[in-house]
PDB file of all heavy atoms in Angstrom:
ATOM      1  N   ASP A   1     157.922  -7.813 -78.953  1.00  0.00           N
ATOM      2  CA  ASP A   1     158.958  -8.718 -79.439  1.00  0.00           C
ATOM      3  C   ASP A   1     160.049  -7.890 -80.111  1.00  0.00           C
ATOM      4  O   ASP A   1     159.874  -6.699 -80.375  1.00  0.00           O
ATOM      5  CB  ASP A   1     158.362  -9.724 -80.428  1.00  0.00           C
ATOM      6  CG  ASP A   1     159.268 -10.923 -80.686  1.00  0.00           C
ATOM      7  OD1 ASP A   1     160.318 -11.053 -80.023  1.00  0.00           O
ATOM      8  OD2 ASP A   1     158.924 -11.742 -81.556  1.00  0.00           O
ATOM      9  N   LEU A   2     161.153  -8.525 -80.395  1.00  0.00           N
ATOM     10  CA  LEU A   2     162.252  -7.932 -81.141  1.00  0.00           C
ATOM     11  C   LEU A   2     162.334  -8.695 -82.457  1.00  0.00           C
ATOM     12  O   LEU A   2     162.648  -9.891 -82.466  1.00  0.00           O
ATOM     13  CB  LEU A   2     163.563  -8.060 -80.367  1.00  0.00           C
ATOM     14  CG  LEU A   2     164.806  -7.484 -81.024  1.00  0.00           C
ATOM     15  CD1 LEU A   2     164.685  -5.965 -81.179  1.00  0.00           C
ATOM     16  CD2 LEU A   2     166.044  -7.829 -80.209  1.00  0.00           C
ATOM     17  N   ARG A   3     161.985  -8.034 -83.554  1.00  0.00           N
ATOM     18  CA  ARG A   3     161.999  -8.678 -84.868  1.00  0.00           C
ATOM     19  C   ARG A   3     162.753  -7.802 -85.854  1.00  0.00           C
ATOM     20  O   ARG A   3     162.507  -6.599 -85.937  1.00  0.00           O
ATOM     21  CB  ARG A   3     160.570  -8.939 -85.369  1.00  0.00           C
ATOM     22  CG  ARG A   3     159.835  -9.922 -84.457  1.00  0.00           C
ATOM     23  CD  ARG A   3     158.577 -10.421 -85.044  1.00  0.00           C
ATOM     24  NE  ARG A   3     157.926 -11.371 -84.139  1.00  0.00           N
ATOM     25  CZ  ARG A   3     156.781 -11.949 -84.397  1.00  0.00           C
ATOM     26  NH1 ARG A   3     156.150 -11.716 -85.526  1.00  0.00           N
ATOM     27  NH2 ARG A   3     156.252 -12.799 -83.524  1.00  0.00           N
ATOM     28  N   GLU A   4     163.661  -8.432 -86.567  1.00  0.00           N
ATOM     29  CA  GLU A   4     164.492  -7.735 -87.558  1.00  0.00           C
ATOM     30  C   GLU A   4     165.164  -6.511 -86.943  1.00  0.00           C
ATOM     31  O   GLU A   4     165.255  -5.451 -87.561  1.00  0.00           O
ATOM     32  CB  GLU A   4     163.666  -7.363 -88.785  1.00  0.00           C
ATOM     33  CG  GLU A   4     163.099  -8.572 -89.508  1.00  0.00           C
ATOM     34  CD  GLU A   4     162.214  -8.207 -90.687  1.00  0.00           C
ATOM     35  OE1 GLU A   4     162.209  -7.040 -91.120  1.00  0.00           O
ATOM     36  OE2 GLU A   4     161.524  -9.119 -91.174  1.00  0.00           O
ATOM     37  N   GLY A   5     165.618  -6.651 -85.689  1.00  0.00           N
ATOM     38  CA  GLY A   5     166.355  -5.582 -85.018  1.00  0.00           C
ATOM     39  C   GLY A   5     165.508  -4.453 -84.479  1.00  0.00           C
ATOM     40  O   GLY A   5     166.048  -3.461 -83.998  1.00  0.00           O
ATOM     41  N   ARG A   6     164.183  -4.578 -84.527  1.00  0.00           N
ATOM     42  CA  ARG A   6     163.286  -3.513 -84.049  1.00  0.00           C
ATOM     43  C   ARG A   6     162.333  -4.045 -82.994  1.00  0.00           C
ATOM     44  O   ARG A   6     161.852  -5.170 -83.095  1.00  0.00           O
ATOM     45  CB  ARG A   6     162.443  -2.975 -85.209  1.00  0.00           C
ATOM     46  CG  ARG A   6     163.229  -2.224 -86.251  1.00  0.00           C
ATOM     47  CD  ARG A   6     162.308  -1.577 -87.214  1.00  0.00           C
ATOM     48  NE  ARG A   6     161.241  -0.897 -86.467  1.00  0.00           N
ATOM     49  CZ  ARG A   6     160.454   0.015 -86.975  1.00  0.00           C
ATOM     50  NH1 ARG A   6     160.571   0.355 -88.213  1.00  0.00           N
ATOM     51  NH2 ARG A   6     159.511   0.580 -86.246  1.00  0.00           N
ATOM     52  N   PHE A   7     162.034  -3.197 -81.998  1.00  0.00           N
ATOM     53  CA  PHE A   7     161.015  -3.547 -81.024  1.00  0.00           C
ATOM     54  C   PHE A   7     159.645  -3.294 -81.644  1.00  0.00           C
ATOM     55  O   PHE A   7     159.373  -2.200 -82.147  1.00  0.00           O
ATOM     56  CB  PHE A   7     161.180  -2.721 -79.739  1.00  0.00           C
ATOM     57  CG  PHE A   7     162.375  -3.134 -78.939  1.00  0.00           C
ATOM     58  CD1 PHE A   7     163.523  -2.371 -78.943  1.00  0.00           C
ATOM     59  CD2 PHE A   7     162.357  -4.305 -78.199  1.00  0.00           C
ATOM     60  CE1 PHE A   7     164.637  -2.752 -78.208  1.00  0.00           C
ATOM     61  CE2 PHE A   7     163.467  -4.703 -77.463  1.00  0.00           C
ATOM     62  CZ  PHE A   7     164.599  -3.921 -77.477  1.00  0.00           C
ATOM     63  N   VAL A   8     158.808  -4.302 -81.636  1.00  0.00           N
ATOM     64  CA  VAL A   8     157.482  -4.241 -82.247  1.00  0.00           C
ATOM     65  C   VAL A   8     156.465  -4.830 -81.273  1.00  0.00           C
ATOM     66  O   VAL A   8     156.816  -5.450 -80.277  1.00  0.00           O
ATOM     67  CB  VAL A   8     157.429  -5.028 -83.578  1.00  0.00           C
ATOM     68  CG1 VAL A   8     158.382  -4.436 -84.610  1.00  0.00           C
ATOM     69  CG2 VAL A   8     157.716  -6.510 -83.351  1.00  0.00           C
ATOM     70  N   SER A   9     155.201  -4.659 -81.596  1.00  0.00           N
ATOM     71  CA  SER A   9     154.131  -5.334 -80.873  1.00  0.00           C
ATOM     72  C   SER A   9     153.468  -6.299 -81.842  1.00  0.00           C
ATOM     73  O   SER A   9     153.319  -6.006 -83.033  1.00  0.00           O
ATOM     74  CB  SER A   9     153.107  -4.332 -80.345  1.00  0.00           C
ATOM     75  OG  SER A   9     152.148  -5.008 -79.546  1.00  0.00           O
ATOM     76  N   VAL A  10     153.083  -7.446 -81.328  1.00  0.00           N
ATOM     77  CA  VAL A  10     152.443  -8.484 -82.141  1.00  0.00           C
ATOM     78  C   VAL A  10     151.017  -8.655 -81.630  1.00  0.00           C
ATOM     79  O   VAL A  10     150.796  -8.836 -80.434  1.00  0.00           O
ATOM     80  CB  VAL A  10     153.210  -9.821 -82.020  1.00  0.00           C
ATOM     81  CG1 VAL A  10     152.523 -10.908 -82.823  1.00  0.00           C
ATOM     82  CG2 VAL A  10     154.654  -9.641 -82.457  1.00  0.00           C
ATOM     83  N   VAL A  11     150.053  -8.584 -82.546  1.00  0.00           N
ATOM     84  CA  VAL A  11     148.664  -8.911 -82.224  1.00  0.00           C
ATOM     85  C   VAL A  11     148.463 -10.347 -82.688  1.00  0.00           C
ATOM     86  O   VAL A  11     148.680 -10.659 -83.863  1.00  0.00           O
ATOM     87  CB  VAL A  11     147.676  -7.957 -82.922  1.00  0.00           C
ATOM     88  CG1 VAL A  11     146.234  -8.363 -82.625  1.00  0.00           C
ATOM     89  CG2 VAL A  11     147.936  -6.511 -82.487  1.00  0.00           C
ATOM     90  N   HIS A  12     148.086 -11.222 -81.770  1.00  0.00           N
ATOM     91  CA  HIS A  12     148.042 -12.667 -82.031  1.00  0.00           C
ATOM     92  C   HIS A  12     146.648 -13.209 -81.731  1.00  0.00           C
ATOM     93  O   HIS A  12     146.103 -12.970 -80.656  1.00  0.00           O
ATOM     94  CB  HIS A  12     149.076 -13.359 -81.144  1.00  0.00           C
ATOM     95  CG  HIS A  12     149.220 -14.817 -81.388  1.00  0.00           C
ATOM     96  ND1 HIS A  12     150.229 -15.339 -82.158  1.00  0.00           N
ATOM     97  CD2 HIS A  12     148.487 -15.871 -80.968  1.00  0.00           C
ATOM     98  CE1 HIS A  12     150.112 -16.654 -82.198  1.00  0.00           C
ATOM     99  NE2 HIS A  12     149.058 -17.004 -81.471  1.00  0.00           N
ATOM    100  N   ASN A  13     146.075 -13.952 -82.682  1.00  0.00           N
ATOM    101  CA  ASN A  13     144.797 -14.627 -82.484  1.00  0.00           C
ATOM    102  C   ASN A  13     145.083 -15.960 -81.811  1.00  0.00           C
ATOM    103  O   ASN A  13     145.786 -16.807 -82.375  1.00  0.00           O
ATOM    104  CB  ASN A  13     144.085 -14.832 -83.820  1.00  0.00           C
ATOM    105  CG  ASN A  13     142.715 -15.441 -83.660  1.00  0.00           C
ATOM    106  OD1 ASN A  13     142.543 -16.481 -83.032  1.00  0.00           O
ATOM    107  ND2 ASN A  13     141.724 -14.795 -84.254  1.00  0.00           N
ATOM    108  N   VAL A  14     144.552 -16.180 -80.601  1.00  0.00           N
ATOM    109  CA  VAL A  14     144.888 -17.375 -79.820  1.00  0.00           C
ATOM    110  C   VAL A  14     144.277 -18.648 -80.396  1.00  0.00           C
ATOM    111  O   VAL A  14     144.689 -19.751 -80.026  1.00  0.00           O
ATOM    112  CB  VAL A  14     144.490 -17.232 -78.331  1.00  0.00           C
ATOM    113  CG1 VAL A  14     145.201 -16.031 -77.714  1.00  0.00           C
ATOM    114  CG2 VAL A  14     142.991 -17.126 -78.150  1.00  0.00           C
ATOM    115  N   PHE A  15     143.307 -18.539 -81.306  1.00  0.00           N
ATOM    116  CA  PHE A  15     142.679 -19.719 -81.896  1.00  0.00           C
ATOM    117  C   PHE A  15     143.267 -20.086 -83.251  1.00  0.00           C
ATOM    118  O   PHE A  15     143.495 -21.254 -83.544  1.00  0.00           O
ATOM    119  CB  PHE A  15     141.166 -19.528 -82.014  1.00  0.00           C
ATOM    120  CG  PHE A  15     140.500 -19.360 -80.678  1.00  0.00           C
ATOM    121  CD1 PHE A  15     139.997 -18.135 -80.285  1.00  0.00           C
ATOM    122  CD2 PHE A  15     140.410 -20.420 -79.787  1.00  0.00           C
ATOM    123  CE1 PHE A  15     139.403 -17.977 -79.044  1.00  0.00           C
ATOM    124  CE2 PHE A  15     139.816 -20.275 -78.545  1.00  0.00           C
ATOM    125  CZ  PHE A  15     139.318 -19.042 -78.179  1.00  0.00           C
ATOM    126  N   THR A  16     143.549 -19.066 -84.085  1.00  0.00           N
ATOM    127  CA  THR A  16     144.043 -19.339 -85.437  1.00  0.00           C
ATOM    128  C   THR A  16     145.554 -19.240 -85.553  1.00  0.00           C
ATOM    129  O   THR A  16     146.131 -19.743 -86.508  1.00  0.00           O
ATOM    130  CB  THR A  16     143.426 -18.362 -86.456  1.00  0.00           C
ATOM    131  OG1 THR A  16     143.919 -17.031 -86.193  1.00  0.00           O
ATOM    132  CG2 THR A  16     141.904 -18.387 -86.404  1.00  0.00           C
ATOM    133  N   GLY A  17     146.203 -18.549 -84.614  1.00  0.00           N
ATOM    134  CA  GLY A  17     147.645 -18.331 -84.692  1.00  0.00           C
ATOM    135  C   GLY A  17     148.022 -17.184 -85.613  1.00  0.00           C
ATOM    136  O   GLY A  17     149.194 -16.847 -85.739  1.00  0.00           O
ATOM    137  N   GLU A  18     147.037 -16.560 -86.252  1.00  0.00           N
ATOM    138  CA  GLU A  18     147.309 -15.440 -87.150  1.00  0.00           C
ATOM    139  C   GLU A  18     147.920 -14.289 -86.364  1.00  0.00           C
ATOM    140  O   GLU A  18     147.481 -13.966 -85.257  1.00  0.00           O
ATOM    141  CB  GLU A  18     146.016 -14.982 -87.820  1.00  0.00           C
ATOM    142  CG  GLU A  18     146.201 -13.846 -88.789  1.00  0.00           C
ATOM    143  CD  GLU A  18     144.886 -13.404 -89.428  1.00  0.00           C
ATOM    144  OE1 GLU A  18     143.894 -14.147 -89.343  1.00  0.00           O
ATOM    145  OE2 GLU A  18     144.874 -12.312 -90.004  1.00  0.00           O
ATOM    146  N   GLU A  19     148.970 -13.670 -86.932  1.00  0.00           N
ATOM    147  CA  GLU A  19     149.651 -12.555 -86.275  1.00  0.00           C
ATOM    148  C   GLU A  19     149.674 -11.330 -87.176  1.00  0.00           C
ATOM    149  O   GLU A  19     149.769 -11.447 -88.394  1.00  0.00           O
ATOM    150  CB  GLU A  19     151.101 -12.925 -85.936  1.00  0.00           C
ATOM    151  CG  GLU A  19     151.251 -13.916 -84.829  1.00  0.00           C
ATOM    152  CD  GLU A  19     152.680 -14.133 -84.418  1.00  0.00           C
ATOM    153  OE1 GLU A  19     153.616 -13.776 -85.169  1.00  0.00           O
ATOM    154  OE2 GLU A  19     152.878 -14.660 -83.315  1.00  0.00           O
ATOM    155  N   ARG A  20     149.601 -10.177 -86.538  1.00  0.00           N
ATOM    156  CA  ARG A  20     149.777  -8.898 -87.223  1.00  0.00           C
ATOM    157  C   ARG A  20     150.841  -8.152 -86.441  1.00  0.00           C
ATOM    158  O   ARG A  20     150.742  -8.006 -85.216  1.00  0.00           O
ATOM    159  CB  ARG A  20     148.468  -8.111 -87.225  1.00  0.00           C
ATOM    160  CG  ARG A  20     148.568  -6.784 -87.950  1.00  0.00           C
ATOM    161  CD  ARG A  20     147.193  -6.159 -88.179  1.00  0.00           C
ATOM    162  NE  ARG A  20     146.390  -6.115 -86.971  1.00  0.00           N
ATOM    163  CZ  ARG A  20     146.075  -4.980 -86.327  1.00  0.00           C
ATOM    164  NH1 ARG A  20     146.489  -3.816 -86.766  1.00  0.00           N
ATOM    165  NH2 ARG A  20     145.337  -5.027 -85.233  1.00  0.00           N
ATOM    166  N   VAL A  21     151.893  -7.689 -87.109  1.00  0.00           N
ATOM    167  CA  VAL A  21     153.001  -7.009 -86.444  1.00  0.00           C
ATOM    168  C   VAL A  21     152.815  -5.505 -86.595  1.00  0.00           C
ATOM    169  O   VAL A  21     152.646  -4.995 -87.701  1.00  0.00           O
ATOM    170  CB  VAL A  21     154.360  -7.451 -87.046  1.00  0.00           C
ATOM    171  CG1 VAL A  21     155.504  -6.687 -86.396  1.00  0.00           C
ATOM    172  CG2 VAL A  21     154.549  -8.949 -86.881  1.00  0.00           C
ATOM    173  N   LEU A  22     152.827  -4.814 -85.450  1.00  0.00           N
ATOM    174  CA  LEU A  22     152.733  -3.356 -85.437  1.00  0.00           C
ATOM    175  C   LEU A  22     154.142  -2.785 -85.407  1.00  0.00           C
ATOM    176  O   LEU A  22     155.046  -3.385 -84.825  1.00  0.00           O
ATOM    177  CB  LEU A  22     151.944  -2.885 -84.216  1.00  0.00           C
ATOM    178  CG  LEU A  22     150.551  -3.496 -84.052  1.00  0.00           C
ATOM    179  CD1 LEU A  22     149.902  -2.991 -82.765  1.00  0.00           C
ATOM    180  CD2 LEU A  22     149.679  -3.198 -85.251  1.00  0.00           C
ATOM    181  N   GLY A  23     154.341  -1.623 -85.977  1.00  0.00           N
ATOM    182  CA  GLY A  23     155.668  -1.035 -86.148  1.00  0.00           C
ATOM    183  C   GLY A  23     156.363  -0.563 -84.889  1.00  0.00           C
ATOM    184  O   GLY A  23     157.536  -0.199 -84.934  1.00  0.00           O
ATOM    185  N   ARG A  24     155.664  -0.564 -83.766  1.00  0.00           N
ATOM    186  CA  ARG A  24     156.261  -0.115 -82.506  1.00  0.00           C
ATOM    187  C   ARG A  24     155.814  -1.032 -81.377  1.00  0.00           C
ATOM    188  O   ARG A  24     154.732  -1.581 -81.404  1.00  0.00           O
ATOM    189  CB  ARG A  24     155.839   1.308 -82.160  1.00  0.00           C
ATOM    190  CG  ARG A  24     156.377   2.339 -83.116  1.00  0.00           C
ATOM    191  CD  ARG A  24     156.085   3.732 -82.569  1.00  0.00           C
ATOM    192  NE  ARG A  24     156.697   4.743 -83.395  1.00  0.00           N
ATOM    193  CZ  ARG A  24     157.904   5.237 -83.182  1.00  0.00           C
ATOM    194  NH1 ARG A  24     158.637   4.806 -82.196  1.00  0.00           N
ATOM    195  NH2 ARG A  24     158.391   6.164 -83.965  1.00  0.00           N
ATOM    196  N   ALA A  25     156.656  -1.139 -80.363  1.00  0.00           N
ATOM    197  CA  ALA A  25     156.282  -1.882 -79.159  1.00  0.00           C
ATOM    198  C   ALA A  25     155.265  -1.053 -78.383  1.00  0.00           C
ATOM    199  O   ALA A  25     155.305   0.175 -78.408  1.00  0.00           O
ATOM    200  CB  ALA A  25     157.514  -2.144 -78.303  1.00  0.00           C
ATOM    201  N   LEU A  26     154.346  -1.711 -77.694  1.00  0.00           N
ATOM    202  CA  LEU A  26     153.308  -1.024 -76.933  1.00  0.00           C
ATOM    203  C   LEU A  26     153.578  -1.108 -75.440  1.00  0.00           C
ATOM    204  O   LEU A  26     153.999  -2.137 -74.935  1.00  0.00           O
ATOM    205  CB  LEU A  26     151.938  -1.638 -77.224  1.00  0.00           C
ATOM    206  CG  LEU A  26     151.410  -1.455 -78.646  1.00  0.00           C
ATOM    207  CD1 LEU A  26     150.145  -2.266 -78.845  1.00  0.00           C
ATOM    208  CD2 LEU A  26     151.165   0.019 -78.936  1.00  0.00           C
ATOM    209  N   SER A  27     153.311  -0.010 -74.750  1.00  0.00           N
ATOM    210  CA  SER A  27     153.409  -0.024 -73.300  1.00  0.00           C
ATOM    211  C   SER A  27     152.033  -0.020 -72.661  1.00  0.00           C
ATOM    212  O   SER A  27     151.888  -0.352 -71.494  1.00  0.00           O
ATOM    213  CB  SER A  27     154.227   1.168 -72.795  1.00  0.00           C
ATOM    214  OG  SER A  27     153.619   2.373 -73.189  1.00  0.00           O
ATOM    215  N   GLY A  28     151.019   0.348 -73.412  1.00  0.00           N
ATOM    216  CA  GLY A  28     149.650   0.346 -72.909  1.00  0.00           C
ATOM    217  C   GLY A  28     148.674   0.374 -74.062  1.00  0.00           C
ATOM    218  O   GLY A  28     148.991   0.864 -75.142  1.00  0.00           O
ATOM    219  N   VAL A  29     147.493  -0.183 -73.816  1.00  0.00           N
ATOM    220  CA  VAL A  29     146.433  -0.215 -74.825  1.00  0.00           C
ATOM    221  C   VAL A  29     145.152   0.251 -74.155  1.00  0.00           C
ATOM    222  O   VAL A  29     144.876  -0.101 -72.999  1.00  0.00           O
ATOM    223  CB  VAL A  29     146.250  -1.644 -75.389  1.00  0.00           C
ATOM    224  CG1 VAL A  29     145.124  -1.693 -76.408  1.00  0.00           C
ATOM    225  CG2 VAL A  29     147.547  -2.138 -76.023  1.00  0.00           C
ATOM    226  N   SER A  30     144.345   1.037 -74.883  1.00  0.00           N
ATOM    227  CA  SER A  30     143.078   1.519 -74.331  1.00  0.00           C
ATOM    228  C   SER A  30     142.155   0.342 -74.029  1.00  0.00           C
ATOM    229  O   SER A  30     142.310  -0.755 -74.575  1.00  0.00           O
ATOM    230  CB  SER A  30     142.404   2.482 -75.313  1.00  0.00           C
ATOM    231  OG  SER A  30     142.074   1.818 -76.517  1.00  0.00           O
ATOM    232  N   ALA A  31     141.176   0.574 -73.165  1.00  0.00           N
ATOM    233  CA  ALA A  31     140.256  -0.482 -72.733  1.00  0.00           C
ATOM    234  C   ALA A  31     139.512  -1.111 -73.910  1.00  0.00           C
ATOM    235  O   ALA A  31     139.208  -2.305 -73.889  1.00  0.00           O
ATOM    236  CB  ALA A  31     139.265   0.067 -71.714  1.00  0.00           C
ATOM    237  N   ASP A  32     139.238  -0.337 -74.961  1.00  0.00           N
ATOM    238  CA  ASP A  32     138.531  -0.895 -76.116  1.00  0.00           C
ATOM    239  C   ASP A  32     139.478  -1.560 -77.120  1.00  0.00           C
ATOM    240  O   ASP A  32     139.043  -2.128 -78.114  1.00  0.00           O
ATOM    241  CB  ASP A  32     137.673   0.161 -76.816  1.00  0.00           C
ATOM    242  CG  ASP A  32     138.486   1.294 -77.441  1.00  0.00           C
ATOM    243  OD1 ASP A  32     139.741   1.239 -77.440  1.00  0.00           O
ATOM    244  OD2 ASP A  32     137.862   2.249 -77.940  1.00  0.00           O
ATOM    245  N   GLY A  33     140.779  -1.500 -76.872  1.00  0.00           N
ATOM    246  CA  GLY A  33     141.751  -2.158 -77.730  1.00  0.00           C
ATOM    247  C   GLY A  33     142.032  -1.452 -79.045  1.00  0.00           C
ATOM    248  O   GLY A  33     142.700  -1.991 -79.911  1.00  0.00           O
ATOM    249  N   ARG A  34     141.582  -0.231 -79.186  1.00  0.00           N
ATOM    250  CA  ARG A  34     141.721   0.476 -80.456  1.00  0.00           C
ATOM    251  C   ARG A  34     142.892   1.455 -80.503  1.00  0.00           C
ATOM    252  O   ARG A  34     143.309   1.863 -81.571  1.00  0.00           O
ATOM    253  CB  ARG A  34     140.429   1.194 -80.793  1.00  0.00           C
ATOM    254  CG  ARG A  34     139.246   0.220 -80.970  1.00  0.00           C
ATOM    255  CD  ARG A  34     137.930   0.943 -81.166  1.00  0.00           C
ATOM    256  NE  ARG A  34     137.990   1.919 -82.218  1.00  0.00           N
ATOM    257  CZ  ARG A  34     137.594   1.709 -83.475  1.00  0.00           C
ATOM    258  NH1 ARG A  34     137.132   0.533 -83.810  1.00  0.00           N
ATOM    259  NH2 ARG A  34     137.673   2.660 -84.382  1.00  0.00           N
ATOM    260  N   LYS A  35     143.415   1.858 -79.344  1.00  0.00           N
ATOM    261  CA  LYS A  35     144.516   2.820 -79.290  1.00  0.00           C
ATOM    262  C   LYS A  35     145.605   2.274 -78.380  1.00  0.00           C
ATOM    263  O   LYS A  35     145.324   1.611 -77.395  1.00  0.00           O
ATOM    264  CB  LYS A  35     144.037   4.170 -78.747  1.00  0.00           C
ATOM    265  CG  LYS A  35     143.014   4.841 -79.625  1.00  0.00           C
ATOM    266  CD  LYS A  35     142.543   6.109 -79.000  1.00  0.00           C
ATOM    267  CE  LYS A  35     141.411   6.712 -79.838  1.00  0.00           C
ATOM    268  NZ  LYS A  35     140.758   7.799 -79.141  1.00  0.00           N
TER     269      LYS A  35
END
């Protein structure tokens, strides 16, 4: 997403709607979701 003028990545819980914003946009994530 683009938030406050910066490209970021959002981690979103599909059941609760809780979001955590990461400081950079992601182009890929490891299979375990940790990197």
